Amino acid sequence: ATNLSFLYYLGNELAQATNYADLAINSDRYNPAALTNKGNTVFANGD
């Protein structure tokens, strides 16, 4: 899910990137790459 989130983020598909980042975090709350991806999607939305 972390890798999928990153690929969707690179493709500028933020909704999909956010969904997979959430899935990655829900599967492993301590995954720094998943948390970073989630941060990237939130950053891209201006928060």
PDB file of all heavy atoms in Angstrom:
ATOM      1  N   ALA A   1       0.833  -1.208   0.000  1.00  0.00           N
ATOM      2  CA  ALA A   1       0.000   0.000   0.000  1.00  0.00           C
ATOM      3  C   ALA A   1       0.866   1.257   0.000  1.00  0.00           C
ATOM      4  O   ALA A   1       0.523   2.259  -0.645  1.00  0.00           O
ATOM      5  CB  ALA A   1      -0.942  -0.005   1.200  1.00  0.00           C
ATOM      6  N   THR A   2       1.998   1.206   0.711  1.00  0.00           N
ATOM      7  CA  THR A   2       2.929   2.346   0.717  1.00  0.00           C
ATOM      8  C   THR A   2       3.442   2.618  -0.688  1.00  0.00           C
ATOM      9  O   THR A   2       3.454   3.764  -1.149  1.00  0.00           O
ATOM     10  CB  THR A   2       4.113   2.066   1.672  1.00  0.00           C
ATOM     11  OG1 THR A   2       3.599   1.886   2.989  1.00  0.00           O
ATOM     12  CG2 THR A   2       5.112   3.196   1.657  1.00  0.00           C
ATOM     13  N   ASN A   3       3.847   1.562  -1.379  1.00  0.00           N
ATOM     14  CA  ASN A   3       4.362   1.724  -2.745  1.00  0.00           C
ATOM     15  C   ASN A   3       3.274   2.183  -3.705  1.00  0.00           C
ATOM     16  O   ASN A   3       3.511   3.027  -4.570  1.00  0.00           O
ATOM     17  CB  ASN A   3       5.010   0.428  -3.226  1.00  0.00           C
ATOM     18  CG  ASN A   3       6.310   0.151  -2.502  1.00  0.00           C
ATOM     19  OD1 ASN A   3       7.039   1.067  -2.126  1.00  0.00           O
ATOM     20  ND2 ASN A   3       6.604  -1.119  -2.291  1.00  0.00           N
ATOM     21  N   LEU A   4       2.076   1.630  -3.540  1.00  0.00           N
ATOM     22  CA  LEU A   4       0.958   2.070  -4.391  1.00  0.00           C
ATOM     23  C   LEU A   4       0.643   3.541  -4.147  1.00  0.00           C
ATOM     24  O   LEU A   4       0.412   4.298  -5.095  1.00  0.00           O
ATOM     25  CB  LEU A   4      -0.280   1.213  -4.124  1.00  0.00           C
ATOM     26  CG  LEU A   4      -0.261  -0.175  -4.751  1.00  0.00           C
ATOM     27  CD1 LEU A   4      -1.331  -1.058  -4.131  1.00  0.00           C
ATOM     28  CD2 LEU A   4      -0.442  -0.073  -6.257  1.00  0.00           C
ATOM     29  N   SER A   5       0.649   3.939  -2.890  1.00  0.00           N
ATOM     30  CA  SER A   5       0.388   5.340  -2.555  1.00  0.00           C
ATOM     31  C   SER A   5       1.410   6.239  -3.240  1.00  0.00           C
ATOM     32  O   SER A   5       1.060   7.266  -3.829  1.00  0.00           O
ATOM     33  CB  SER A   5       0.430   5.536  -1.039  1.00  0.00           C
ATOM     34  OG  SER A   5       0.319   6.902  -0.714  1.00  0.00           O
ATOM     35  N   PHE A   6       2.666   5.846  -3.170  1.00  0.00           N
ATOM     36  CA  PHE A   6       3.729   6.650  -3.775  1.00  0.00           C
ATOM     37  C   PHE A   6       3.559   6.729  -5.294  1.00  0.00           C
ATOM     38  O   PHE A   6       3.684   7.804  -5.886  1.00  0.00           O
ATOM     39  CB  PHE A   6       5.097   6.075  -3.404  1.00  0.00           C
ATOM     40  CG  PHE A   6       6.240   6.917  -3.873  1.00  0.00           C
ATOM     41  CD1 PHE A   6       6.474   8.164  -3.316  1.00  0.00           C
ATOM     42  CD2 PHE A   6       7.074   6.478  -4.882  1.00  0.00           C
ATOM     43  CE1 PHE A   6       7.526   8.955  -3.749  1.00  0.00           C
ATOM     44  CE2 PHE A   6       8.132   7.263  -5.320  1.00  0.00           C
ATOM     45  CZ  PHE A   6       8.356   8.503  -4.757  1.00  0.00           C
ATOM     46  N   LEU A   7       3.250   5.603  -5.919  1.00  0.00           N
ATOM     47  CA  LEU A   7       3.061   5.608  -7.373  1.00  0.00           C
ATOM     48  C   LEU A   7       1.879   6.489  -7.777  1.00  0.00           C
ATOM     49  O   LEU A   7       1.966   7.246  -8.745  1.00  0.00           O
ATOM     50  CB  LEU A   7       2.860   4.185  -7.893  1.00  0.00           C
ATOM     51  CG  LEU A   7       4.101   3.291  -7.872  1.00  0.00           C
ATOM     52  CD1 LEU A   7       3.733   1.853  -8.231  1.00  0.00           C
ATOM     53  CD2 LEU A   7       5.162   3.823  -8.822  1.00  0.00           C
ATOM     54  N   TYR A   8       0.780   6.398  -7.041  1.00  0.00           N
ATOM     55  CA  TYR A   8      -0.370   7.258  -7.356  1.00  0.00           C
ATOM     56  C   TYR A   8      -0.038   8.727  -7.097  1.00  0.00           C
ATOM     57  O   TYR A   8      -0.480   9.605  -7.847  1.00  0.00           O
ATOM     58  CB  TYR A   8      -1.611   6.835  -6.560  1.00  0.00           C
ATOM     59  CG  TYR A   8      -2.305   5.640  -7.166  1.00  0.00           C
ATOM     60  CD1 TYR A   8      -2.410   4.450  -6.473  1.00  0.00           C
ATOM     61  CD2 TYR A   8      -2.866   5.706  -8.444  1.00  0.00           C
ATOM     62  CE1 TYR A   8      -3.059   3.346  -7.027  1.00  0.00           C
ATOM     63  CE2 TYR A   8      -3.507   4.610  -9.006  1.00  0.00           C
ATOM     64  CZ  TYR A   8      -3.594   3.444  -8.290  1.00  0.00           C
ATOM     65  OH  TYR A   8      -4.234   2.373  -8.853  1.00  0.00           O
ATOM     66  N   TYR A   9       0.744   8.981  -6.071  1.00  0.00           N
ATOM     67  CA  TYR A   9       1.162  10.363  -5.784  1.00  0.00           C
ATOM     68  C   TYR A   9       1.987  10.906  -6.956  1.00  0.00           C
ATOM     69  O   TYR A   9       1.771  12.022  -7.405  1.00  0.00           O
ATOM     70  CB  TYR A   9       1.955  10.413  -4.479  1.00  0.00           C
ATOM     71  CG  TYR A   9       2.439  11.797  -4.124  1.00  0.00           C
ATOM     72  CD1 TYR A   9       1.582  12.731  -3.555  1.00  0.00           C
ATOM     73  CD2 TYR A   9       3.750  12.176  -4.373  1.00  0.00           C
ATOM     74  CE1 TYR A   9       2.013  14.007  -3.244  1.00  0.00           C
ATOM     75  CE2 TYR A   9       4.189  13.447  -4.055  1.00  0.00           C
ATOM     76  CZ  TYR A   9       3.322  14.354  -3.495  1.00  0.00           C
ATOM     77  OH  TYR A   9       3.764  15.624  -3.191  1.00  0.00           O
ATOM     78  N   LEU A  10       2.921  10.094  -7.430  1.00  0.00           N
ATOM     79  CA  LEU A  10       3.742  10.519  -8.574  1.00  0.00           C
ATOM     80  C   LEU A  10       2.892  10.766  -9.814  1.00  0.00           C
ATOM     81  O   LEU A  10       3.209  11.631 -10.619  1.00  0.00           O
ATOM     82  CB  LEU A  10       4.816   9.472  -8.878  1.00  0.00           C
ATOM     83  CG  LEU A  10       5.948   9.346  -7.873  1.00  0.00           C
ATOM     84  CD1 LEU A  10       6.895   8.221  -8.282  1.00  0.00           C
ATOM     85  CD2 LEU A  10       6.704  10.653  -7.730  1.00  0.00           C
ATOM     86  N   GLY A  11       1.816   9.993  -9.957  1.00  0.00           N
ATOM     87  CA  GLY A  11       0.897  10.168 -11.081  1.00  0.00           C
ATOM     88  C   GLY A  11      -0.120  11.269 -10.847  1.00  0.00           C
ATOM     89  O   GLY A  11      -1.035  11.440 -11.643  1.00  0.00           O
ATOM     90  N   ASN A  12       0.028  11.990  -9.746  1.00  0.00           N
ATOM     91  CA  ASN A  12      -0.854  13.099  -9.377  1.00  0.00           C
ATOM     92  C   ASN A  12      -2.313  12.649  -9.201  1.00  0.00           C
ATOM     93  O   ASN A  12      -3.234  13.408  -9.465  1.00  0.00           O
ATOM     94  CB  ASN A  12      -0.744  14.246 -10.386  1.00  0.00           C
ATOM     95  CG  ASN A  12      -1.140  15.565  -9.767  1.00  0.00           C
ATOM     96  OD1 ASN A  12      -0.996  15.764  -8.560  1.00  0.00           O
ATOM     97  ND2 ASN A  12      -1.660  16.477 -10.572  1.00  0.00           N
ATOM     98  N   GLU A  13      -2.473  11.413  -8.751  1.00  0.00           N
ATOM     99  CA  GLU A  13      -3.805  10.901  -8.424  1.00  0.00           C
ATOM    100  C   GLU A  13      -3.913  10.914  -6.906  1.00  0.00           C
ATOM    101  O   GLU A  13      -3.746   9.894  -6.239  1.00  0.00           O
ATOM    102  CB  GLU A  13      -3.994   9.501  -8.988  1.00  0.00           C
ATOM    103  CG  GLU A  13      -3.960   9.453 -10.506  1.00  0.00           C
ATOM    104  CD  GLU A  13      -4.149   8.059 -11.053  1.00  0.00           C
ATOM    105  OE1 GLU A  13      -5.108   7.388 -10.616  1.00  0.00           O
ATOM    106  OE2 GLU A  13      -3.339   7.648 -11.894  1.00  0.00           O
ATOM    107  N   LEU A  14      -4.184  12.097  -6.351  1.00  0.00           N
ATOM    108  CA  LEU A  14      -4.121  12.295  -4.905  1.00  0.00           C
ATOM    109  C   LEU A  14      -5.163  11.502  -4.128  1.00  0.00           C
ATOM    110  O   LEU A  14      -4.887  11.038  -3.018  1.00  0.00           O
ATOM    111  CB  LEU A  14      -4.215  13.785  -4.571  1.00  0.00           C
ATOM    112  CG  LEU A  14      -3.029  14.639  -5.020  1.00  0.00           C
ATOM    113  CD1 LEU A  14      -3.253  16.096  -4.627  1.00  0.00           C
ATOM    114  CD2 LEU A  14      -1.735  14.120  -4.434  1.00  0.00           C
ATOM    115  N   ALA A  15      -6.351  11.327  -4.694  1.00  0.00           N
ATOM    116  CA  ALA A  15      -7.382  10.565  -3.978  1.00  0.00           C
ATOM    117  C   ALA A  15      -6.924   9.122  -3.781  1.00  0.00           C
ATOM    118  O   ALA A  15      -7.027   8.575  -2.667  1.00  0.00           O
ATOM    119  CB  ALA A  15      -8.702  10.620  -4.741  1.00  0.00           C
ATOM    120  N   GLN A  16      -6.401   8.515  -4.835  1.00  0.00           N
ATOM    121  CA  GLN A  16      -5.902   7.142  -4.732  1.00  0.00           C
ATOM    122  C   GLN A  16      -4.686   7.077  -3.812  1.00  0.00           C
ATOM    123  O   GLN A  16      -4.550   6.146  -3.017  1.00  0.00           O
ATOM    124  CB  GLN A  16      -5.547   6.583  -6.114  1.00  0.00           C
ATOM    125  CG  GLN A  16      -6.744   6.183  -6.931  1.00  0.00           C
ATOM    126  CD  GLN A  16      -7.381   4.910  -6.413  1.00  0.00           C
ATOM    127  OE1 GLN A  16      -7.946   4.880  -5.323  1.00  0.00           O
ATOM    128  NE2 GLN A  16      -7.291   3.847  -7.194  1.00  0.00           N
ATOM    129  N   ALA A  17      -3.797   8.043  -3.948  1.00  0.00           N
ATOM    130  CA  ALA A  17      -2.609   8.080  -3.092  1.00  0.00           C
ATOM    131  C   ALA A  17      -3.002   8.173  -1.626  1.00  0.00           C
ATOM    132  O   ALA A  17      -2.429   7.491  -0.769  1.00  0.00           O
ATOM    133  CB  ALA A  17      -1.715   9.260  -3.479  1.00  0.00           C
ATOM    134  N   THR A  18      -4.008   8.980  -1.338  1.00  0.00           N
ATOM    135  CA  THR A  18      -4.492   9.126   0.039  1.00  0.00           C
ATOM    136  C   THR A  18      -5.102   7.822   0.537  1.00  0.00           C
ATOM    137  O   THR A  18      -4.834   7.394   1.663  1.00  0.00           O
ATOM    138  CB  THR A  18      -5.528  10.267   0.120  1.00  0.00           C
ATOM    139  OG1 THR A  18      -4.901  11.485  -0.293  1.00  0.00           O
ATOM    140  CG2 THR A  18      -6.064  10.426   1.524  1.00  0.00           C
ATOM    141  N   ASN A  19      -5.916   7.175  -0.297  1.00  0.00           N
ATOM    142  CA  ASN A  19      -6.551   5.908   0.098  1.00  0.00           C
ATOM    143  C   ASN A  19      -5.499   4.858   0.452  1.00  0.00           C
ATOM    144  O   ASN A  19      -5.624   4.167   1.475  1.00  0.00           O
ATOM    145  CB  ASN A  19      -7.456   5.375  -1.021  1.00  0.00           C
ATOM    146  CG  ASN A  19      -8.695   6.221  -1.195  1.00  0.00           C
ATOM    147  OD1 ASN A  19      -9.108   6.937  -0.283  1.00  0.00           O
ATOM    148  ND2 ASN A  19      -9.292   6.138  -2.374  1.00  0.00           N
ATOM    149  N   TYR A  20      -4.483   4.722  -0.391  1.00  0.00           N
ATOM    150  CA  TYR A  20      -3.462   3.708  -0.129  1.00  0.00           C
ATOM    151  C   TYR A  20      -2.555   4.108   1.037  1.00  0.00           C
ATOM    152  O   TYR A  20      -2.085   3.244   1.778  1.00  0.00           O
ATOM    153  CB  TYR A  20      -2.662   3.396  -1.394  1.00  0.00           C
ATOM    154  CG  TYR A  20      -3.415   2.452  -2.298  1.00  0.00           C
ATOM    155  CD1 TYR A  20      -4.038   2.906  -3.450  1.00  0.00           C
ATOM    156  CD2 TYR A  20      -3.555   1.111  -1.965  1.00  0.00           C
ATOM    157  CE1 TYR A  20      -4.766   2.044  -4.260  1.00  0.00           C
ATOM    158  CE2 TYR A  20      -4.271   0.239  -2.766  1.00  0.00           C
ATOM    159  CZ  TYR A  20      -4.875   0.708  -3.912  1.00  0.00           C
ATOM    160  OH  TYR A  20      -5.597  -0.163  -4.704  1.00  0.00           O
ATOM    161  N   ALA A  21      -2.325   5.391   1.225  1.00  0.00           N
ATOM    162  CA  ALA A  21      -1.548   5.825   2.398  1.00  0.00           C
ATOM    163  C   ALA A  21      -2.305   5.474   3.670  1.00  0.00           C
ATOM    164  O   ALA A  21      -1.715   4.974   4.642  1.00  0.00           O
ATOM    165  CB  ALA A  21      -1.263   7.320   2.327  1.00  0.00           C
ATOM    166  N   ASP A  22      -3.612   5.701   3.670  1.00  0.00           N
ATOM    167  CA  ASP A  22      -4.440   5.341   4.833  1.00  0.00           C
ATOM    168  C   ASP A  22      -4.410   3.835   5.075  1.00  0.00           C
ATOM    169  O   ASP A  22      -4.281   3.384   6.220  1.00  0.00           O
ATOM    170  CB  ASP A  22      -5.887   5.808   4.635  1.00  0.00           C
ATOM    171  CG  ASP A  22      -6.033   7.324   4.714  1.00  0.00           C
ATOM    172  OD1 ASP A  22      -5.159   7.989   5.306  1.00  0.00           O
ATOM    173  OD2 ASP A  22      -7.030   7.846   4.167  1.00  0.00           O
ATOM    174  N   LEU A  23      -4.527   3.051   4.009  1.00  0.00           N
ATOM    175  CA  LEU A  23      -4.472   1.593   4.135  1.00  0.00           C
ATOM    176  C   LEU A  23      -3.129   1.147   4.706  1.00  0.00           C
ATOM    177  O   LEU A  23      -3.071   0.291   5.591  1.00  0.00           O
ATOM    178  CB  LEU A  23      -4.724   0.935   2.769  1.00  0.00           C
ATOM    179  CG  LEU A  23      -4.631  -0.588   2.718  1.00  0.00           C
ATOM    180  CD1 LEU A  23      -5.700  -1.217   3.624  1.00  0.00           C
ATOM    181  CD2 LEU A  23      -4.785  -1.080   1.287  1.00  0.00           C
ATOM    182  N   ALA A  24      -2.054   1.750   4.225  1.00  0.00           N
ATOM    183  CA  ALA A  24      -0.718   1.401   4.711  1.00  0.00           C
ATOM    184  C   ALA A  24      -0.569   1.719   6.195  1.00  0.00           C
ATOM    185  O   ALA A  24      -0.022   0.919   6.965  1.00  0.00           O
ATOM    186  CB  ALA A  24       0.350   2.138   3.896  1.00  0.00           C
ATOM    187  N   ILE A  25      -1.070   2.871   6.606  1.00  0.00           N
ATOM    188  CA  ILE A  25      -0.981   3.274   8.016  1.00  0.00           C
ATOM    189  C   ILE A  25      -1.854   2.371   8.879  1.00  0.00           C
ATOM    190  O   ILE A  25      -1.438   1.951   9.963  1.00  0.00           O
ATOM    191  CB  ILE A  25      -1.357   4.756   8.189  1.00  0.00           C
ATOM    192  CG1 ILE A  25      -0.286   5.642   7.559  1.00  0.00           C
ATOM    193  CG2 ILE A  25      -1.536   5.107   9.656  1.00  0.00           C
ATOM    194  CD1 ILE A  25      -0.668   7.108   7.449  1.00  0.00           C
ATOM    195  N   ASN A  26      -3.043   2.031   8.398  1.00  0.00           N
ATOM    196  CA  ASN A  26      -3.920   1.145   9.158  1.00  0.00           C
ATOM    197  C   ASN A  26      -3.324  -0.252   9.302  1.00  0.00           C
ATOM    198  O   ASN A  26      -3.562  -0.926  10.303  1.00  0.00           O
ATOM    199  CB  ASN A  26      -5.306   1.064   8.513  1.00  0.00           C
ATOM    200  CG  ASN A  26      -6.067   2.364   8.662  1.00  0.00           C
ATOM    201  OD1 ASN A  26      -5.811   3.149   9.574  1.00  0.00           O
ATOM    202  ND2 ASN A  26      -6.999   2.608   7.750  1.00  0.00           N
ATOM    203  N   SER A  27      -2.555  -0.683   8.307  1.00  0.00           N
ATOM    204  CA  SER A  27      -1.917  -1.997   8.369  1.00  0.00           C
ATOM    205  C   SER A  27      -0.690  -1.993   9.263  1.00  0.00           C
ATOM    206  O   SER A  27      -0.364  -3.008   9.869  1.00  0.00           O
ATOM    207  CB  SER A  27      -1.505  -2.442   6.965  1.00  0.00           C
ATOM    208  OG  SER A  27      -2.641  -2.561   6.152  1.00  0.00           O
ATOM    209  N   ASP A  28       0.026  -0.865   9.310  1.00  0.00           N
ATOM    210  CA  ASP A  28       1.236  -0.763  10.137  1.00  0.00           C
ATOM    211  C   ASP A  28       1.421   0.701  10.528  1.00  0.00           C
ATOM    212  O   ASP A  28       1.981   1.493   9.770  1.00  0.00           O
ATOM    213  CB  ASP A  28       2.454  -1.282   9.375  1.00  0.00           C
ATOM    214  CG  ASP A  28       3.747  -1.198  10.173  1.00  0.00           C
ATOM    215  OD1 ASP A  28       3.712  -0.823  11.368  1.00  0.00           O
ATOM    216  OD2 ASP A  28       4.814  -1.511   9.599  1.00  0.00           O
ATOM    217  N   ARG A  29       0.966   1.040  11.711  1.00  0.00           N
ATOM    218  CA  ARG A  29       0.983   2.430  12.194  1.00  0.00           C
ATOM    219  C   ARG A  29       2.405   2.977  12.342  1.00  0.00           C
ATOM    220  O   ARG A  29       2.600   4.176  12.439  1.00  0.00           O
ATOM    221  CB  ARG A  29       0.238   2.497  13.538  1.00  0.00           C
ATOM    222  CG  ARG A  29       0.091   3.873  14.099  1.00  0.00           C
ATOM    223  CD  ARG A  29      -0.827   4.691  13.223  1.00  0.00           C
ATOM    224  NE  ARG A  29      -0.739   6.088  13.573  1.00  0.00           N
ATOM    225  CZ  ARG A  29      -1.374   7.042  12.948  1.00  0.00           C
ATOM    226  NH1 ARG A  29      -2.153   6.776  11.945  1.00  0.00           N
ATOM    227  NH2 ARG A  29      -1.236   8.283  13.319  1.00  0.00           N
ATOM    228  N   TYR A  30       3.405   2.116  12.387  1.00  0.00           N
ATOM    229  CA  TYR A  30       4.782   2.535  12.627  1.00  0.00           C
ATOM    230  C   TYR A  30       5.618   2.559  11.348  1.00  0.00           C
ATOM    231  O   TYR A  30       6.834   2.609  11.408  1.00  0.00           O
ATOM    232  CB  TYR A  30       5.430   1.636  13.681  1.00  0.00           C
ATOM    233  CG  TYR A  30       4.646   1.654  14.966  1.00  0.00           C
ATOM    234  CD1 TYR A  30       3.810   0.601  15.317  1.00  0.00           C
ATOM    235  CD2 TYR A  30       4.700   2.756  15.805  1.00  0.00           C
ATOM    236  CE1 TYR A  30       3.067   0.637  16.489  1.00  0.00           C
ATOM    237  CE2 TYR A  30       3.952   2.807  16.977  1.00  0.00           C
ATOM    238  CZ  TYR A  30       3.145   1.742  17.307  1.00  0.00           C
ATOM    239  OH  TYR A  30       2.404   1.791  18.453  1.00  0.00           O
ATOM    240  N   ASN A  31       4.981   2.540  10.194  1.00  0.00           N
ATOM    241  CA  ASN A  31       5.666   2.551   8.910  1.00  0.00           C
ATOM    242  C   ASN A  31       5.995   4.001   8.533  1.00  0.00           C
ATOM    243  O   ASN A  31       5.100   4.747   8.136  1.00  0.00           O
ATOM    244  CB  ASN A  31       4.759   1.891   7.860  1.00  0.00           C
ATOM    245  CG  ASN A  31       5.365   1.850   6.483  1.00  0.00           C
ATOM    246  OD1 ASN A  31       6.287   2.584   6.166  1.00  0.00           O
ATOM    247  ND2 ASN A  31       4.818   0.989   5.638  1.00  0.00           N
ATOM    248  N   PRO A  32       7.275   4.418   8.641  1.00  0.00           N
ATOM    249  CA  PRO A  32       7.614   5.819   8.365  1.00  0.00           C
ATOM    250  C   PRO A  32       7.356   6.229   6.914  1.00  0.00           C
ATOM    251  O   PRO A  32       6.966   7.370   6.656  1.00  0.00           O
ATOM    252  CB  PRO A  32       9.086   5.923   8.724  1.00  0.00           C
ATOM    253  CG  PRO A  32       9.598   4.537   8.778  1.00  0.00           C
ATOM    254  CD  PRO A  32       8.439   3.636   9.048  1.00  0.00           C
ATOM    255  N   ALA A  33       7.526   5.311   5.983  1.00  0.00           N
ATOM    256  CA  ALA A  33       7.271   5.647   4.575  1.00  0.00           C
ATOM    257  C   ALA A  33       5.782   5.896   4.343  1.00  0.00           C
ATOM    258  O   ALA A  33       5.406   6.803   3.594  1.00  0.00           O
ATOM    259  CB  ALA A  33       7.780   4.538   3.660  1.00  0.00           C
ATOM    260  N   ALA A  34       4.930   5.107   4.994  1.00  0.00           N
ATOM    261  CA  ALA A  34       3.484   5.307   4.860  1.00  0.00           C
ATOM    262  C   ALA A  34       3.079   6.645   5.459  1.00  0.00           C
ATOM    263  O   ALA A  34       2.273   7.383   4.875  1.00  0.00           O
ATOM    264  CB  ALA A  34       2.727   4.167   5.547  1.00  0.00           C
ATOM    265  N   LEU A  35       3.638   6.967   6.623  1.00  0.00           N
ATOM    266  CA  LEU A  35       3.330   8.251   7.262  1.00  0.00           C
ATOM    267  C   LEU A  35       3.819   9.421   6.410  1.00  0.00           C
ATOM    268  O   LEU A  35       3.139  10.444   6.294  1.00  0.00           O
ATOM    269  CB  LEU A  35       3.952   8.292   8.657  1.00  0.00           C
ATOM    270  CG  LEU A  35       3.319   7.326   9.662  1.00  0.00           C
ATOM    271  CD1 LEU A  35       4.240   7.102  10.851  1.00  0.00           C
ATOM    272  CD2 LEU A  35       1.961   7.830  10.107  1.00  0.00           C
ATOM    273  N   THR A  36       4.973   9.247   5.799  1.00  0.00           N
ATOM    274  CA  THR A  36       5.502  10.294   4.917  1.00  0.00           C
ATOM    275  C   THR A  36       4.614  10.460   3.690  1.00  0.00           C
ATOM    276  O   THR A  36       4.304  11.586   3.287  1.00  0.00           O
ATOM    277  CB  THR A  36       6.953   9.971   4.505  1.00  0.00           C
ATOM    278  OG1 THR A  36       7.759   9.868   5.688  1.00  0.00           O
ATOM    279  CG2 THR A  36       7.532  11.038   3.600  1.00  0.00           C
ATOM    280  N   ASN A  37       4.181   9.334   3.106  1.00  0.00           N
ATOM    281  CA  ASN A  37       3.266   9.419   1.961  1.00  0.00           C
ATOM    282  C   ASN A  37       1.975  10.129   2.331  1.00  0.00           C
ATOM    283  O   ASN A  37       1.466  10.953   1.572  1.00  0.00           O
ATOM    284  CB  ASN A  37       2.945   8.026   1.422  1.00  0.00           C
ATOM    285  CG  ASN A  37       4.072   7.433   0.608  1.00  0.00           C
ATOM    286  OD1 ASN A  37       5.004   8.117   0.224  1.00  0.00           O
ATOM    287  ND2 ASN A  37       3.976   6.146   0.355  1.00  0.00           N
ATOM    288  N   LYS A  38       1.444   9.802   3.497  1.00  0.00           N
ATOM    289  CA  LYS A  38       0.213  10.467   3.951  1.00  0.00           C
ATOM    290  C   LYS A  38       0.478  11.966   4.116  1.00  0.00           C
ATOM    291  O   LYS A  38      -0.338  12.800   3.694  1.00  0.00           O
ATOM    292  CB  LYS A  38      -0.263   9.847   5.272  1.00  0.00           C
ATOM    293  CG  LYS A  38      -1.521  10.479   5.819  1.00  0.00           C
ATOM    294  CD  LYS A  38      -2.718  10.286   4.916  1.00  0.00           C
ATOM    295  CE  LYS A  38      -3.962  10.885   5.580  1.00  0.00           C
ATOM    296  NZ  LYS A  38      -5.138  10.785   4.745  1.00  0.00           N
ATOM    297  N   GLY A  39       1.614  12.303   4.700  1.00  0.00           N
ATOM    298  CA  GLY A  39       1.989  13.712   4.820  1.00  0.00           C
ATOM    299  C   GLY A  39       2.082  14.388   3.465  1.00  0.00           C
ATOM    300  O   GLY A  39       1.646  15.530   3.298  1.00  0.00           O
ATOM    301  N   ASN A  40       2.620  13.677   2.483  1.00  0.00           N
ATOM    302  CA  ASN A  40       2.750  14.246   1.136  1.00  0.00           C
ATOM    303  C   ASN A  40       1.395  14.537   0.514  1.00  0.00           C
ATOM    304  O   ASN A  40       1.213  15.571  -0.140  1.00  0.00           O
ATOM    305  CB  ASN A  40       3.543  13.303   0.231  1.00  0.00           C
ATOM    306  CG  ASN A  40       5.000  13.211   0.620  1.00  0.00           C
ATOM    307  OD1 ASN A  40       5.513  13.998   1.408  1.00  0.00           O
ATOM    308  ND2 ASN A  40       5.689  12.221   0.078  1.00  0.00           N
ATOM    309  N   THR A  41       0.436  13.642   0.729  1.00  0.00           N
ATOM    310  CA  THR A  41      -0.888  13.883   0.139  1.00  0.00           C
ATOM    311  C   THR A  41      -1.575  15.062   0.830  1.00  0.00           C
ATOM    312  O   THR A  41      -2.229  15.864   0.167  1.00  0.00           O
ATOM    313  CB  THR A  41      -1.787  12.621   0.209  1.00  0.00           C
ATOM    314  OG1 THR A  41      -2.007  12.259   1.567  1.00  0.00           O
ATOM    315  CG2 THR A  41      -1.172  11.468  -0.555  1.00  0.00           C
ATOM    316  N   VAL A  42      -1.395  15.166   2.132  1.00  0.00           N
ATOM    317  CA  VAL A  42      -1.981  16.287   2.875  1.00  0.00           C
ATOM    318  C   VAL A  42      -1.292  17.593   2.470  1.00  0.00           C
ATOM    319  O   VAL A  42      -1.939  18.624   2.285  1.00  0.00           O
ATOM    320  CB  VAL A  42      -1.869  16.027   4.402  1.00  0.00           C
ATOM    321  CG1 VAL A  42      -2.307  17.221   5.205  1.00  0.00           C
ATOM    322  CG2 VAL A  42      -2.673  14.794   4.786  1.00  0.00           C
ATOM    323  N   PHE A  43       0.046  17.542   2.311  1.00  0.00           N
ATOM    324  CA  PHE A  43       0.826  18.703   1.866  1.00  0.00           C
ATOM    325  C   PHE A  43       0.316  19.176   0.501  1.00  0.00           C
ATOM    326  O   PHE A  43       0.113  20.371   0.291  1.00  0.00           O
ATOM    327  CB  PHE A  43       2.306  18.321   1.782  1.00  0.00           C
ATOM    328  CG  PHE A  43       3.238  19.455   1.481  1.00  0.00           C
ATOM    329  CD1 PHE A  43       3.977  20.048   2.499  1.00  0.00           C
ATOM    330  CD2 PHE A  43       3.420  19.935   0.195  1.00  0.00           C
ATOM    331  CE1 PHE A  43       4.861  21.087   2.237  1.00  0.00           C
ATOM    332  CE2 PHE A  43       4.286  20.975  -0.081  1.00  0.00           C
ATOM    333  CZ  PHE A  43       5.017  21.554   0.944  1.00  0.00           C
ATOM    334  N   ALA A  44       0.111  18.224  -0.413  1.00  0.00           N
ATOM    335  CA  ALA A  44      -0.347  18.575  -1.764  1.00  0.00           C
ATOM    336  C   ALA A  44      -1.717  19.247  -1.742  1.00  0.00           C
ATOM    337  O   ALA A  44      -2.038  20.032  -2.634  1.00  0.00           O
ATOM    338  CB  ALA A  44      -0.386  17.328  -2.648  1.00  0.00           C
ATOM    339  N   ASN A  45      -2.504  18.951  -0.707  1.00  0.00           N
ATOM    340  CA  ASN A  45      -3.819  19.591  -0.564  1.00  0.00           C
ATOM    341  C   ASN A  45      -3.748  20.902   0.214  1.00  0.00           C
ATOM    342  O   ASN A  45      -4.776  21.512   0.488  1.00  0.00           O
ATOM    343  CB  ASN A  45      -4.812  18.625   0.095  1.00  0.00           C
ATOM    344  CG  ASN A  45      -5.231  17.529  -0.851  1.00  0.00           C
ATOM    345  OD1 ASN A  45      -5.454  17.777  -2.028  1.00  0.00           O
ATOM    346  ND2 ASN A  45      -5.331  16.311  -0.352  1.00  0.00           N
ATOM    347  N   GLY A  46      -2.536  21.322   0.591  1.00  0.00           N
ATOM    348  CA  GLY A  46      -2.348  22.629   1.205  1.00  0.00           C
ATOM    349  C   GLY A  46      -2.451  22.680   2.718  1.00  0.00           C
ATOM    350  O   GLY A  46      -2.360  23.757   3.298  1.00  0.00           O
ATOM    351  N   ASP A  47      -2.615  21.537   3.381  1.00  0.00           N
ATOM    352  CA  ASP A  47      -2.693  21.525   4.851  1.00  0.00           C
ATOM    353  C   ASP A  47      -1.297  21.227   5.403  1.00  0.00           C
ATOM    354  O   ASP A  47      -0.990  20.094   5.788  1.00  0.00           O
ATOM    355  CB  ASP A  47      -3.718  20.488   5.327  1.00  0.00           C
ATOM    356  CG  ASP A  47      -4.006  20.597   6.820  1.00  0.00           C
ATOM    357  OD1 ASP A  47      -3.267  21.309   7.531  1.00  0.00           O
ATOM    358  OD2 ASP A  47      -4.972  19.950   7.271  1.00  0.00           O
TER     359      ASP A  47
END
